[in-house]
Amino acid sequence: MLDWGLADGGLRARARARSALDLASARLLAAVQARDVGLQVADLATTLLRLREVEAAQREAVSWIDRLALLMRGAVRAGVRTTTDSVRIALERNTAAAALEKTRFDARSAEIDLMALLGRPADSTLVIVQPGFPDRPPGVEDSIRVMASVSRQPEIAIANVAEERARLDVLEARRTTAPTVDLSLDAGLAGTDLTRPVPGDILASNPDATVADRLRRDLGASATINVRAPVRGSAARLSTQSKAIALRAAGLRSGGELVTQQKIALEILARWRSAYRRLVTAREATVGADQNLLRVKSLYSGGAILLLDLLDARRLYQDAIERHADALQESRSAQFRAEDRP
């Protein structure tokens, strides 16, 4: 028996189209996830660079305080300084050492998170090099390229796929009353005795009967064409209306996604520009804090200012270094997100 659909109202074509849309959606979602993971890896890498720069500065701060404490102990023994200054330096060192330990812990946590994203064991060795691109503000070419990349973002393609799927749903709901035509072909032997080449009733009438005699009597074939035309009810009309509304909503989401991606592109450029400006300001502040520390050290050596003024100047310099590291991380992250746009 053979059944063959001559007309199915486009059912198979819609099924093929839906399968193609499902495949495209899966690929696009995989691309979004891969991109997001890549951005997380980049953010963690820039975070590690910042923490290592801060850690190096904090180690230098501890060493600086240790050298100052050694000089202070000699000055206390000589009666030039009081023990209060020595205690104050010890307290300052404890604070600096605690900050250094906190930074080391944060760096280790970032390393563990990064190696987990990369699929590497937590005890692996991780080497992060400085970015190969120079720190710079966005130019006209960058703005043009980032804005041109909006239409290529996978989120827009995903929204378009959802709209196409909704359009298929509407088409399928409207074709529920489409007639279907099936062809059935059937060929076989009549009777129920299939255990012998020649049934017993034929042998009873003709002992010399052969298989050819049976085929002449029992062999038969038939062809049937079935036409079905479903009746459309009120439920089907309501279903079509709901799917039409869903299609309009999907179209609005598709247009809204384009606006959203344009907004994201503008925010990326604005973030990059602002981050670079903060980086320039932080660099200037670091230079100023360094010069101020040198001047205060000279004044302290000459006895013109107190120890608290010297420690305060050193703390201001340390804060400037850490703010510069933060600004550098933000600038690198913003620049990477802009330059990584497809």
C-alpha atoms as a PDB file:
ATOM      1  CA  MET A   1       0.000   0.000   0.000  1.00  0.00           C
ATOM      2  CA  LEU A   2       1.334   3.417  -0.939  1.00  0.00           C
ATOM      3  CA  ASP A   3       0.042   6.796   0.293  1.00  0.00           C
ATOM      4  CA  TRP A   4       1.122   9.988  -1.407  1.00  0.00           C
ATOM      5  CA  GLY A   5       0.031  13.530  -0.634  1.00  0.00           C
ATOM      6  CA  LEU A   6      -0.812  15.369  -3.815  1.00  0.00           C
ATOM      7  CA  ALA A   7      -1.737  18.667  -2.126  1.00  0.00           C
ATOM      8  CA  ASP A   8      -1.299  19.576   1.543  1.00  0.00           C
ATOM      9  CA  GLY A   9      -2.149  23.281   1.570  1.00  0.00           C
ATOM     10  CA  GLY A  10       1.540  24.250   1.956  1.00  0.00           C
ATOM     11  CA  LEU A  11       1.953  22.293   5.199  1.00  0.00           C
ATOM     12  CA  ARG A  12       5.291  20.707   4.267  1.00  0.00           C
ATOM     13  CA  ALA A  13       6.656  23.970   2.869  1.00  0.00           C
ATOM     14  CA  ARG A  14       5.807  25.767   6.105  1.00  0.00           C
ATOM     15  CA  ALA A  15       7.399  22.990   8.127  1.00  0.00           C
ATOM     16  CA  ARG A  16      10.618  23.321   6.096  1.00  0.00           C
ATOM     17  CA  ALA A  17      10.575  27.094   6.539  1.00  0.00           C
ATOM     18  CA  ARG A  18      10.022  26.737  10.281  1.00  0.00           C
ATOM     19  CA  SER A  19      12.927  24.299  10.565  1.00  0.00           C
ATOM     20  CA  ALA A  20      15.193  26.728   8.684  1.00  0.00           C
ATOM     21  CA  LEU A  21      14.148  29.542  11.026  1.00  0.00           C
ATOM     22  CA  ASP A  22      14.821  27.360  14.070  1.00  0.00           C
ATOM     23  CA  LEU A  23      18.298  26.570  12.762  1.00  0.00           C
ATOM     24  CA  ALA A  24      19.024  30.245  12.085  1.00  0.00           C
ATOM     25  CA  SER A  25      17.769  31.205  15.546  1.00  0.00           C
ATOM     26  CA  ALA A  26      19.971  28.580  17.223  1.00  0.00           C
ATOM     27  CA  ARG A  27      23.040  29.805  15.331  1.00  0.00           C
ATOM     28  CA  LEU A  28      22.317  33.423  16.208  1.00  0.00           C
ATOM     29  CA  LEU A  29      21.807  32.624  19.883  1.00  0.00           C
ATOM     30  CA  ALA A  30      25.101  30.726  19.891  1.00  0.00           C
ATOM     31  CA  ALA A  31      26.787  33.772  18.326  1.00  0.00           C
ATOM     32  CA  VAL A  32      25.334  36.054  21.020  1.00  0.00           C
ATOM     33  CA  GLN A  33      26.519  33.746  23.795  1.00  0.00           C
ATOM     34  CA  ALA A  34      29.988  33.467  22.273  1.00  0.00           C
ATOM     35  CA  ARG A  35      30.222  37.249  21.957  1.00  0.00           C
ATOM     36  CA  ASP A  36      29.049  37.817  25.540  1.00  0.00           C
ATOM     37  CA  VAL A  37      31.548  35.292  26.889  1.00  0.00           C
ATOM     38  CA  GLY A  38      34.307  36.958  24.884  1.00  0.00           C
ATOM     39  CA  LEU A  39      33.395  40.340  26.358  1.00  0.00           C
ATOM     40  CA  GLN A  40      33.403  38.852  29.863  1.00  0.00           C
ATOM     41  CA  VAL A  41      36.861  37.418  29.221  1.00  0.00           C
ATOM     42  CA  ALA A  42      38.089  40.806  28.005  1.00  0.00           C
ATOM     43  CA  ASP A  43      36.625  42.570  31.035  1.00  0.00           C
ATOM     44  CA  LEU A  44      38.235  40.098  33.425  1.00  0.00           C
ATOM     45  CA  ALA A  45      41.567  40.428  31.621  1.00  0.00           C
ATOM     46  CA  THR A  46      41.531  44.231  31.905  1.00  0.00           C
ATOM     47  CA  THR A  47      40.474  43.892  35.540  1.00  0.00           C
ATOM     48  CA  LEU A  48      43.467  41.654  36.199  1.00  0.00           C
ATOM     49  CA  LEU A  49      45.791  44.147  34.538  1.00  0.00           C
ATOM     50  CA  ARG A  50      44.384  46.887  36.761  1.00  0.00           C
ATOM     51  CA  LEU A  51      44.705  44.816  39.926  1.00  0.00           C
ATOM     52  CA  ARG A  52      48.284  43.900  39.111  1.00  0.00           C
ATOM     53  CA  GLU A  53      49.174  47.532  38.518  1.00  0.00           C
ATOM     54  CA  VAL A  54      47.531  48.463  41.821  1.00  0.00           C
ATOM     55  CA  GLU A  55      49.282  45.569  43.554  1.00  0.00           C
ATOM     56  CA  ALA A  56      52.674  46.748  42.296  1.00  0.00           C
ATOM     57  CA  ALA A  57      51.966  50.279  43.530  1.00  0.00           C
ATOM     58  CA  GLN A  58      50.811  48.985  46.904  1.00  0.00           C
ATOM     59  CA  ARG A  59      53.916  46.832  47.274  1.00  0.00           C
ATOM     60  CA  GLU A  60      56.002  49.917  46.586  1.00  0.00           C
ATOM     61  CA  ALA A  61      53.969  51.820  49.203  1.00  0.00           C
ATOM     62  CA  VAL A  62      54.703  49.157  51.825  1.00  0.00           C
ATOM     63  CA  SER A  63      58.402  49.236  50.947  1.00  0.00           C
ATOM     64  CA  TRP A  64      58.406  53.046  51.129  1.00  0.00           C
ATOM     65  CA  ILE A  65      56.822  52.960  54.577  1.00  0.00           C
ATOM     66  CA  ASP A  66      59.315  50.318  55.717  1.00  0.00           C
ATOM     67  CA  ARG A  67      62.194  52.533  54.654  1.00  0.00           C
ATOM     68  CA  LEU A  68      60.628  55.486  56.424  1.00  0.00           C
ATOM     69  CA  ALA A  69      60.109  53.382  59.556  1.00  0.00           C
ATOM     70  CA  LEU A  70      63.780  52.375  59.547  1.00  0.00           C
ATOM     71  CA  LEU A  71      64.807  56.031  59.406  1.00  0.00           C
ATOM     72  CA  MET A  72      62.276  56.911  62.060  1.00  0.00           C
ATOM     73  CA  ARG A  73      63.603  54.307  64.488  1.00  0.00           C
ATOM     74  CA  GLY A  74      67.057  55.831  64.148  1.00  0.00           C
ATOM     75  CA  ALA A  75      65.639  59.314  64.680  1.00  0.00           C
ATOM     76  CA  VAL A  76      63.735  58.140  67.767  1.00  0.00           C
ATOM     77  CA  ARG A  77      66.875  56.611  69.263  1.00  0.00           C
ATOM     78  CA  ALA A  78      68.705  59.843  68.560  1.00  0.00           C
ATOM     79  CA  GLY A  79      65.964  61.825  70.281  1.00  0.00           C
ATOM     80  CA  VAL A  80      65.118  63.780  67.143  1.00  0.00           C
ATOM     81  CA  ARG A  81      61.642  62.214  66.776  1.00  0.00           C
ATOM     82  CA  THR A  82      59.141  60.943  69.317  1.00  0.00           C
ATOM     83  CA  THR A  83      57.785  57.431  69.654  1.00  0.00           C
ATOM     84  CA  THR A  84      54.414  58.775  68.570  1.00  0.00           C
ATOM     85  CA  ASP A  85      55.779  59.183  65.050  1.00  0.00           C
ATOM     86  CA  SER A  86      57.070  55.621  65.096  1.00  0.00           C
ATOM     87  CA  VAL A  87      53.657  54.303  66.178  1.00  0.00           C
ATOM     88  CA  ARG A  88      51.936  56.375  63.514  1.00  0.00           C
ATOM     89  CA  ILE A  89      54.156  54.866  60.820  1.00  0.00           C
ATOM     90  CA  ALA A  90      53.422  51.351  62.126  1.00  0.00           C
ATOM     91  CA  LEU A  91      49.699  52.022  61.865  1.00  0.00           C
ATOM     92  CA  GLU A  92      50.161  53.362  58.341  1.00  0.00           C
ATOM     93  CA  ARG A  93      52.044  50.219  57.358  1.00  0.00           C
ATOM     94  CA  ASN A  94      49.291  47.980  58.720  1.00  0.00           C
ATOM     95  CA  THR A  95      46.753  49.850  56.617  1.00  0.00           C
ATOM     96  CA  ALA A  96      48.927  49.573  53.498  1.00  0.00           C
ATOM     97  CA  ALA A  97      49.595  45.874  54.094  1.00  0.00           C
ATOM     98  CA  ALA A  98      45.863  45.172  54.538  1.00  0.00           C
ATOM     99  CA  ALA A  99      45.074  46.993  51.271  1.00  0.00           C
ATOM    100  CA  LEU A 100      47.768  44.974  49.491  1.00  0.00           C
ATOM    101  CA  GLU A 101      46.351  41.680  50.754  1.00  0.00           C
ATOM    102  CA  LYS A 102      42.854  42.699  49.646  1.00  0.00           C
ATOM    103  CA  THR A 103      44.140  43.479  46.166  1.00  0.00           C
ATOM    104  CA  ARG A 104      45.917  40.121  45.965  1.00  0.00           C
ATOM    105  CA  PHE A 105      42.718  38.340  46.952  1.00  0.00           C
ATOM    106  CA  ASP A 106      40.709  40.254  44.325  1.00  0.00           C
ATOM    107  CA  ALA A 107      43.312  39.412  41.683  1.00  0.00           C
ATOM    108  CA  ARG A 108      43.199  35.726  42.545  1.00  0.00           C
ATOM    109  CA  SER A 109      39.405  35.702  42.410  1.00  0.00           C
ATOM    110  CA  ALA A 110      39.502  37.365  38.997  1.00  0.00           C
ATOM    111  CA  GLU A 111      42.039  34.772  37.808  1.00  0.00           C
ATOM    112  CA  ILE A 112      39.791  31.920  38.935  1.00  0.00           C
ATOM    113  CA  ASP A 113      36.780  33.442  37.168  1.00  0.00           C
ATOM    114  CA  LEU A 114      38.780  34.013  33.998  1.00  0.00           C
ATOM    115  CA  MET A 115      40.164  30.468  33.890  1.00  0.00           C
ATOM    116  CA  ALA A 116      36.661  29.100  34.482  1.00  0.00           C
ATOM    117  CA  LEU A 117      35.408  31.027  31.437  1.00  0.00           C
ATOM    118  CA  LEU A 118      38.355  29.751  29.419  1.00  0.00           C
ATOM    119  CA  GLY A 119      37.701  26.190  30.572  1.00  0.00           C
ATOM    120  CA  ARG A 120      41.099  25.819  32.227  1.00  0.00           C
ATOM    121  CA  PRO A 121      41.880  24.348  35.669  1.00  0.00           C
ATOM    122  CA  ALA A 122      42.031  26.829  38.544  1.00  0.00           C
ATOM    123  CA  ASP A 123      45.689  25.975  39.212  1.00  0.00           C
ATOM    124  CA  SER A 124      46.773  26.815  35.649  1.00  0.00           C
ATOM    125  CA  THR A 125      49.330  29.502  34.942  1.00  0.00           C
ATOM    126  CA  LEU A 126      47.800  32.613  33.459  1.00  0.00           C
ATOM    127  CA  VAL A 127      49.809  35.211  31.567  1.00  0.00           C
ATOM    128  CA  ILE A 128      48.094  38.425  30.451  1.00  0.00           C
ATOM    129  CA  VAL A 129      49.945  40.831  28.187  1.00  0.00           C
ATOM    130  CA  GLN A 130      49.215  44.493  27.709  1.00  0.00           C
ATOM    131  CA  PRO A 131      46.775  45.343  24.880  1.00  0.00           C
ATOM    132  CA  GLY A 132      48.396  45.814  21.506  1.00  0.00           C
ATOM    133  CA  PHE A 133      46.386  48.924  20.669  1.00  0.00           C
ATOM    134  CA  PRO A 134      47.328  52.397  21.983  1.00  0.00           C
ATOM    135  CA  ASP A 135      45.061  54.232  24.391  1.00  0.00           C
ATOM    136  CA  ARG A 136      43.257  56.860  22.338  1.00  0.00           C
ATOM    137  CA  PRO A 137      39.887  58.583  22.007  1.00  0.00           C
ATOM    138  CA  PRO A 138      37.370  57.553  19.326  1.00  0.00           C
ATOM    139  CA  GLY A 139      37.780  59.219  15.958  1.00  0.00           C
ATOM    140  CA  VAL A 140      35.388  59.925  13.130  1.00  0.00           C
ATOM    141  CA  GLU A 141      36.204  56.585  11.485  1.00  0.00           C
ATOM    142  CA  ASP A 142      35.428  54.773  14.734  1.00  0.00           C
ATOM    143  CA  SER A 143      32.050  56.469  15.020  1.00  0.00           C
ATOM    144  CA  ILE A 144      31.153  55.622  11.423  1.00  0.00           C
ATOM    145  CA  ARG A 145      32.226  51.994  11.829  1.00  0.00           C
ATOM    146  CA  VAL A 146      30.385  51.476  15.135  1.00  0.00           C
ATOM    147  CA  MET A 147      27.150  52.992  13.833  1.00  0.00           C
ATOM    148  CA  ALA A 148      27.417  50.972  10.612  1.00  0.00           C
ATOM    149  CA  SER A 149      27.692  47.787  12.673  1.00  0.00           C
ATOM    150  CA  VAL A 150      24.216  48.264  14.167  1.00  0.00           C
ATOM    151  CA  SER A 151      22.397  46.409  11.383  1.00  0.00           C
ATOM    152  CA  ARG A 152      24.804  43.466  11.683  1.00  0.00           C
ATOM    153  CA  GLN A 153      24.142  42.757  15.340  1.00  0.00           C
ATOM    154  CA  PRO A 154      22.731  39.248  16.005  1.00  0.00           C
ATOM    155  CA  GLU A 155      19.962  40.619  18.247  1.00  0.00           C
ATOM    156  CA  ILE A 156      18.384  42.301  15.232  1.00  0.00           C
ATOM    157  CA  ALA A 157      18.610  39.081  13.211  1.00  0.00           C
ATOM    158  CA  ILE A 158      17.023  37.166  16.111  1.00  0.00           C
ATOM    159  CA  ALA A 159      14.142  39.656  16.195  1.00  0.00           C
ATOM    160  CA  ASN A 160      13.698  39.282  12.423  1.00  0.00           C
ATOM    161  CA  VAL A 161      13.619  35.497  12.761  1.00  0.00           C
ATOM    162  CA  ALA A 162      10.943  35.792  15.456  1.00  0.00           C
ATOM    163  CA  GLU A 163       8.918  38.024  13.142  1.00  0.00           C
ATOM    164  CA  GLU A 164       9.213  35.502  10.293  1.00  0.00           C
ATOM    165  CA  ARG A 165       8.114  32.717  12.619  1.00  0.00           C
ATOM    166  CA  ALA A 166       5.082  34.766  13.657  1.00  0.00           C
ATOM    167  CA  ARG A 167       4.300  35.363   9.979  1.00  0.00           C
ATOM    168  CA  LEU A 168       4.372  31.602   9.390  1.00  0.00           C
ATOM    169  CA  ASP A 169       2.001  31.113  12.327  1.00  0.00           C
ATOM    170  CA  VAL A 170      -0.467  33.544  10.765  1.00  0.00           C
ATOM    171  CA  LEU A 171      -0.203  31.817   7.392  1.00  0.00           C
ATOM    172  CA  GLU A 172      -0.735  28.430   8.961  1.00  0.00           C
ATOM    173  CA  ALA A 173      -3.755  29.637  10.910  1.00  0.00           C
ATOM    174  CA  ARG A 174      -5.281  31.044   7.725  1.00  0.00           C
ATOM    175  CA  ARG A 175      -4.646  27.818   5.785  1.00  0.00           C
ATOM    176  CA  THR A 176      -6.404  25.544   8.267  1.00  0.00           C
ATOM    177  CA  THR A 177      -9.337  25.262   5.842  1.00  0.00           C
ATOM    178  CA  ALA A 178      -7.155  24.594   2.811  1.00  0.00           C
ATOM    179  CA  PRO A 179      -8.166  21.309   1.120  1.00  0.00           C
ATOM    180  CA  THR A 180      -5.757  18.384   1.115  1.00  0.00           C
ATOM    181  CA  VAL A 181      -5.577  15.688  -1.555  1.00  0.00           C
ATOM    182  CA  ASP A 182      -4.070  12.236  -0.892  1.00  0.00           C
ATOM    183  CA  LEU A 183      -3.525   9.375  -3.335  1.00  0.00           C
ATOM    184  CA  SER A 184      -3.610   5.803  -2.040  1.00  0.00           C
ATOM    185  CA  LEU A 185      -2.472   2.828  -4.115  1.00  0.00           C
ATOM    186  CA  ASP A 186      -3.221  -0.712  -2.884  1.00  0.00           C
ATOM    187  CA  ALA A 187      -2.331  -4.041  -4.485  1.00  0.00           C
ATOM    188  CA  GLY A 188      -2.509  -7.558  -3.026  1.00  0.00           C
ATOM    189  CA  LEU A 189      -4.130 -10.989  -2.935  1.00  0.00           C
ATOM    190  CA  ALA A 190      -7.712 -11.482  -1.837  1.00  0.00           C
ATOM    191  CA  GLY A 191      -8.513 -14.010   0.860  1.00  0.00           C
ATOM    192  CA  THR A 192      -6.935 -14.774   4.224  1.00  0.00           C
ATOM    193  CA  ASP A 193      -4.995 -17.988   3.595  1.00  0.00           C
ATOM    194  CA  LEU A 194      -1.474 -16.776   2.934  1.00  0.00           C
ATOM    195  CA  THR A 195       0.269 -19.889   4.260  1.00  0.00           C
ATOM    196  CA  ARG A 196       0.084 -21.833   0.997  1.00  0.00           C
ATOM    197  CA  PRO A 197       0.731 -20.844  -2.610  1.00  0.00           C
ATOM    198  CA  VAL A 198      -2.690 -22.177  -3.633  1.00  0.00           C
ATOM    199  CA  PRO A 199      -5.594 -21.916  -1.160  1.00  0.00           C
ATOM    200  CA  GLY A 200      -7.618 -25.008  -0.308  1.00  0.00           C
ATOM    201  CA  ASP A 201     -10.877 -23.799  -1.859  1.00  0.00           C
ATOM    202  CA  ILE A 202      -9.195 -23.559  -5.265  1.00  0.00           C
ATOM    203  CA  LEU A 203      -7.629 -27.023  -4.934  1.00  0.00           C
ATOM    204  CA  ALA A 204     -11.025 -28.449  -3.950  1.00  0.00           C
ATOM    205  CA  SER A 205     -12.512 -27.342  -7.250  1.00  0.00           C
ATOM    206  CA  ASN A 206      -9.352 -27.960  -9.284  1.00  0.00           C
ATOM    207  CA  PRO A 207      -6.724 -30.316  -7.837  1.00  0.00           C
ATOM    208  CA  ASP A 208      -4.282 -29.300 -10.576  1.00  0.00           C
ATOM    209  CA  ALA A 209      -4.554 -25.533  -9.843  1.00  0.00           C
ATOM    210  CA  THR A 210      -1.338 -23.513  -9.766  1.00  0.00           C
ATOM    211  CA  VAL A 211      -0.204 -20.138  -8.424  1.00  0.00           C
ATOM    212  CA  ALA A 212      -1.164 -18.628 -11.763  1.00  0.00           C
ATOM    213  CA  ASP A 213      -4.743 -19.794 -11.218  1.00  0.00           C
ATOM    214  CA  ARG A 214      -4.749 -18.086  -7.791  1.00  0.00           C
ATOM    215  CA  LEU A 215      -3.332 -14.846  -9.198  1.00  0.00           C
ATOM    216  CA  ARG A 216      -5.968 -14.788 -11.918  1.00  0.00           C
ATOM    217  CA  ARG A 217      -8.658 -15.141  -9.281  1.00  0.00           C
ATOM    218  CA  ASP A 218      -7.348 -13.173  -6.269  1.00  0.00           C
ATOM    219  CA  LEU A 219      -4.873 -10.588  -7.545  1.00  0.00           C
ATOM    220  CA  GLY A 220      -6.303  -7.093  -7.423  1.00  0.00           C
ATOM    221  CA  ALA A 221      -5.301  -3.422  -7.118  1.00  0.00           C
ATOM    222  CA  SER A 222      -7.074  -0.203  -6.235  1.00  0.00           C
ATOM    223  CA  ALA A 223      -6.376   3.527  -6.350  1.00  0.00           C
ATOM    224  CA  THR A 224      -8.136   6.026  -4.126  1.00  0.00           C
ATOM    225  CA  ILE A 225      -8.052   9.812  -4.090  1.00  0.00           C
ATOM    226  CA  ASN A 226      -9.100  11.396  -0.793  1.00  0.00           C
ATOM    227  CA  VAL A 227     -10.053  15.057  -0.693  1.00  0.00           C
ATOM    228  CA  ARG A 228     -10.526  16.725   2.703  1.00  0.00           C
ATOM    229  CA  ALA A 229     -11.769  20.267   3.263  1.00  0.00           C
ATOM    230  CA  PRO A 230     -11.904  21.206   6.965  1.00  0.00           C
ATOM    231  CA  VAL A 231     -14.731  23.423   8.173  1.00  0.00           C
ATOM    232  CA  ARG A 232     -13.600  26.709   9.695  1.00  0.00           C
ATOM    233  CA  GLY A 233     -15.191  27.555  13.033  1.00  0.00           C
ATOM    234  CA  SER A 234     -15.188  30.530  15.369  1.00  0.00           C
ATOM    235  CA  ALA A 235     -12.245  29.122  17.328  1.00  0.00           C
ATOM    236  CA  ALA A 236     -10.124  29.091  14.172  1.00  0.00           C
ATOM    237  CA  ARG A 237     -11.014  32.710  13.450  1.00  0.00           C
ATOM    238  CA  LEU A 238     -10.036  33.749  16.971  1.00  0.00           C
ATOM    239  CA  SER A 239      -6.762  31.857  16.625  1.00  0.00           C
ATOM    240  CA  THR A 240      -5.994  33.652  13.368  1.00  0.00           C
ATOM    241  CA  GLN A 241      -6.733  37.019  14.963  1.00  0.00           C
ATOM    242  CA  SER A 242      -4.475  36.289  17.939  1.00  0.00           C
ATOM    243  CA  LYS A 243      -1.638  35.225  15.684  1.00  0.00           C
ATOM    244  CA  ALA A 244      -2.064  38.349  13.567  1.00  0.00           C
ATOM    245  CA  ILE A 245      -1.749  40.448  16.708  1.00  0.00           C
ATOM    246  CA  ALA A 246       1.345  38.460  17.695  1.00  0.00           C
ATOM    247  CA  LEU A 247       2.805  39.188  14.248  1.00  0.00           C
ATOM    248  CA  ARG A 248       2.291  42.926  14.700  1.00  0.00           C
ATOM    249  CA  ALA A 249       3.903  42.709  18.128  1.00  0.00           C
ATOM    250  CA  ALA A 250       6.877  40.852  16.647  1.00  0.00           C
ATOM    251  CA  GLY A 251       7.226  43.556  14.002  1.00  0.00           C
ATOM    252  CA  LEU A 252       7.244  46.227  16.692  1.00  0.00           C
ATOM    253  CA  ARG A 253       9.871  44.281  18.651  1.00  0.00           C
ATOM    254  CA  SER A 254      11.994  43.982  15.519  1.00  0.00           C
ATOM    255  CA  GLY A 255      11.863  47.736  14.954  1.00  0.00           C
ATOM    256  CA  GLY A 256      12.440  48.358  18.659  1.00  0.00           C
ATOM    257  CA  GLU A 257      15.514  46.140  18.615  1.00  0.00           C
ATOM    258  CA  LEU A 258      17.004  48.288  15.875  1.00  0.00           C
ATOM    259  CA  VAL A 259      16.480  51.390  18.018  1.00  0.00           C
ATOM    260  CA  THR A 260      17.965  49.574  21.017  1.00  0.00           C
ATOM    261  CA  GLN A 261      21.095  48.600  19.092  1.00  0.00           C
ATOM    262  CA  GLN A 262      21.507  52.160  17.836  1.00  0.00           C
ATOM    263  CA  LYS A 263      21.292  53.355  21.441  1.00  0.00           C
ATOM    264  CA  ILE A 264      23.874  50.768  22.524  1.00  0.00           C
ATOM    265  CA  ALA A 265      26.243  51.876  19.750  1.00  0.00           C
ATOM    266  CA  LEU A 266      25.936  55.511  20.813  1.00  0.00           C
ATOM    267  CA  GLU A 267      26.527  54.546  24.447  1.00  0.00           C
ATOM    268  CA  ILE A 268      29.653  52.594  23.479  1.00  0.00           C
ATOM    269  CA  LEU A 269      31.104  55.637  21.731  1.00  0.00           C
ATOM    270  CA  ALA A 270      30.101  57.960  24.581  1.00  0.00           C
ATOM    271  CA  ARG A 271      31.607  55.600  27.160  1.00  0.00           C
ATOM    272  CA  TRP A 272      34.865  55.351  25.210  1.00  0.00           C
ATOM    273  CA  ARG A 273      35.141  59.124  24.816  1.00  0.00           C
ATOM    274  CA  SER A 274      34.355  59.788  28.490  1.00  0.00           C
ATOM    275  CA  ALA A 275      36.682  57.034  29.709  1.00  0.00           C
ATOM    276  CA  TYR A 276      39.584  58.431  27.724  1.00  0.00           C
ATOM    277  CA  ARG A 277      38.989  61.920  29.092  1.00  0.00           C
ATOM    278  CA  ARG A 278      39.026  60.529  32.621  1.00  0.00           C
ATOM    279  CA  LEU A 279      42.247  58.697  31.791  1.00  0.00           C
ATOM    280  CA  VAL A 280      43.931  61.920  30.685  1.00  0.00           C
ATOM    281  CA  THR A 281      42.769  63.632  33.881  1.00  0.00           C
ATOM    282  CA  ALA A 282      44.027  60.726  35.997  1.00  0.00           C
ATOM    283  CA  ARG A 283      47.437  60.860  34.329  1.00  0.00           C
ATOM    284  CA  GLU A 284      47.739  64.552  35.084  1.00  0.00           C
ATOM    285  CA  ALA A 285      46.671  63.941  38.686  1.00  0.00           C
ATOM    286  CA  THR A 286      49.301  61.216  39.072  1.00  0.00           C
ATOM    287  CA  VAL A 287      52.058  63.520  37.834  1.00  0.00           C
ATOM    288  CA  GLY A 288      50.883  66.261  40.163  1.00  0.00           C
ATOM    289  CA  ALA A 289      50.681  63.906  43.153  1.00  0.00           C
ATOM    290  CA  ASP A 290      54.208  62.626  42.438  1.00  0.00           C
ATOM    291  CA  GLN A 291      55.622  66.148  42.303  1.00  0.00           C
ATOM    292  CA  ASN A 292      53.769  67.072  45.469  1.00  0.00           C
ATOM    293  CA  LEU A 293      55.208  64.034  47.261  1.00  0.00           C
ATOM    294  CA  LEU A 294      58.751  65.005  46.268  1.00  0.00           C
ATOM    295  CA  ARG A 295      58.207  68.528  47.527  1.00  0.00           C
ATOM    296  CA  VAL A 296      56.693  67.354  50.831  1.00  0.00           C
ATOM    297  CA  LYS A 297      59.547  64.902  51.369  1.00  0.00           C
ATOM    298  CA  SER A 298      62.015  67.732  51.017  1.00  0.00           C
ATOM    299  CA  LEU A 299      60.057  69.868  53.472  1.00  0.00           C
ATOM    300  CA  TYR A 300      59.830  67.003  55.950  1.00  0.00           C
ATOM    301  CA  SER A 301      63.557  66.345  55.707  1.00  0.00           C
ATOM    302  CA  GLY A 302      64.129  69.996  56.541  1.00  0.00           C
ATOM    303  CA  GLY A 303      61.765  69.825  59.501  1.00  0.00           C
ATOM    304  CA  ALA A 304      59.306  72.279  57.994  1.00  0.00           C
ATOM    305  CA  ILE A 305      56.234  69.968  58.182  1.00  0.00           C
ATOM    306  CA  LEU A 306      54.953  67.150  60.367  1.00  0.00           C
ATOM    307  CA  LEU A 307      54.996  63.407  59.719  1.00  0.00           C
ATOM    308  CA  LEU A 308      51.230  63.399  59.148  1.00  0.00           C
ATOM    309  CA  ASP A 309      51.702  65.805  56.227  1.00  0.00           C
ATOM    310  CA  LEU A 310      54.253  63.450  54.660  1.00  0.00           C
ATOM    311  CA  LEU A 311      52.035  60.391  55.108  1.00  0.00           C
ATOM    312  CA  ASP A 312      49.074  62.307  53.745  1.00  0.00           C
ATOM    313  CA  ALA A 313      51.057  63.267  50.622  1.00  0.00           C
ATOM    314  CA  ARG A 314      52.105  59.627  50.140  1.00  0.00           C
ATOM    315  CA  ARG A 315      48.502  58.535  50.509  1.00  0.00           C
ATOM    316  CA  LEU A 316      47.363  61.085  47.941  1.00  0.00           C
ATOM    317  CA  TYR A 317      49.976  59.762  45.528  1.00  0.00           C
ATOM    318  CA  GLN A 318      48.793  56.179  46.103  1.00  0.00           C
ATOM    319  CA  ASP A 319      45.178  57.199  45.519  1.00  0.00           C
ATOM    320  CA  ALA A 320      46.174  58.940  42.281  1.00  0.00           C
ATOM    321  CA  ILE A 321      47.928  55.792  41.041  1.00  0.00           C
ATOM    322  CA  GLU A 322      44.893  53.633  41.803  1.00  0.00           C
ATOM    323  CA  ARG A 323      42.510  56.103  40.137  1.00  0.00           C
ATOM    324  CA  HIS A 324      44.767  56.076  37.085  1.00  0.00           C
ATOM    325  CA  ALA A 325      44.636  52.266  37.013  1.00  0.00           C
ATOM    326  CA  ASP A 326      40.831  52.377  37.247  1.00  0.00           C
ATOM    327  CA  ALA A 327      40.605  54.932  34.447  1.00  0.00           C
ATOM    328  CA  LEU A 328      42.992  52.916  32.294  1.00  0.00           C
ATOM    329  CA  GLN A 329      40.885  49.780  32.744  1.00  0.00           C
ATOM    330  CA  GLU A 330      37.692  51.637  31.846  1.00  0.00           C
ATOM    331  CA  SER A 331      39.292  53.185  28.764  1.00  0.00           C
ATOM    332  CA  ARG A 332      40.653  49.843  27.569  1.00  0.00           C
ATOM    333  CA  SER A 333      37.353  48.076  28.141  1.00  0.00           C
ATOM    334  CA  ALA A 334      35.378  50.749  26.292  1.00  0.00           C
ATOM    335  CA  GLN A 335      37.847  50.809  23.404  1.00  0.00           C
ATOM    336  CA  PHE A 336      37.806  47.006  23.113  1.00  0.00           C
ATOM    337  CA  ARG A 337      33.990  46.899  22.983  1.00  0.00           C
ATOM    338  CA  ALA A 338      34.007  49.485  20.211  1.00  0.00           C
ATOM    339  CA  GLU A 339      36.743  47.839  18.157  1.00  0.00           C
ATOM    340  CA  ASP A 340      35.287  44.349  18.626  1.00  0.00           C
ATOM    341  CA  ARG A 341      32.010  45.260  16.918  1.00  0.00           C
ATOM    342  CA  PRO A 342      31.501  43.108  13.787  1.00  0.00           C
END
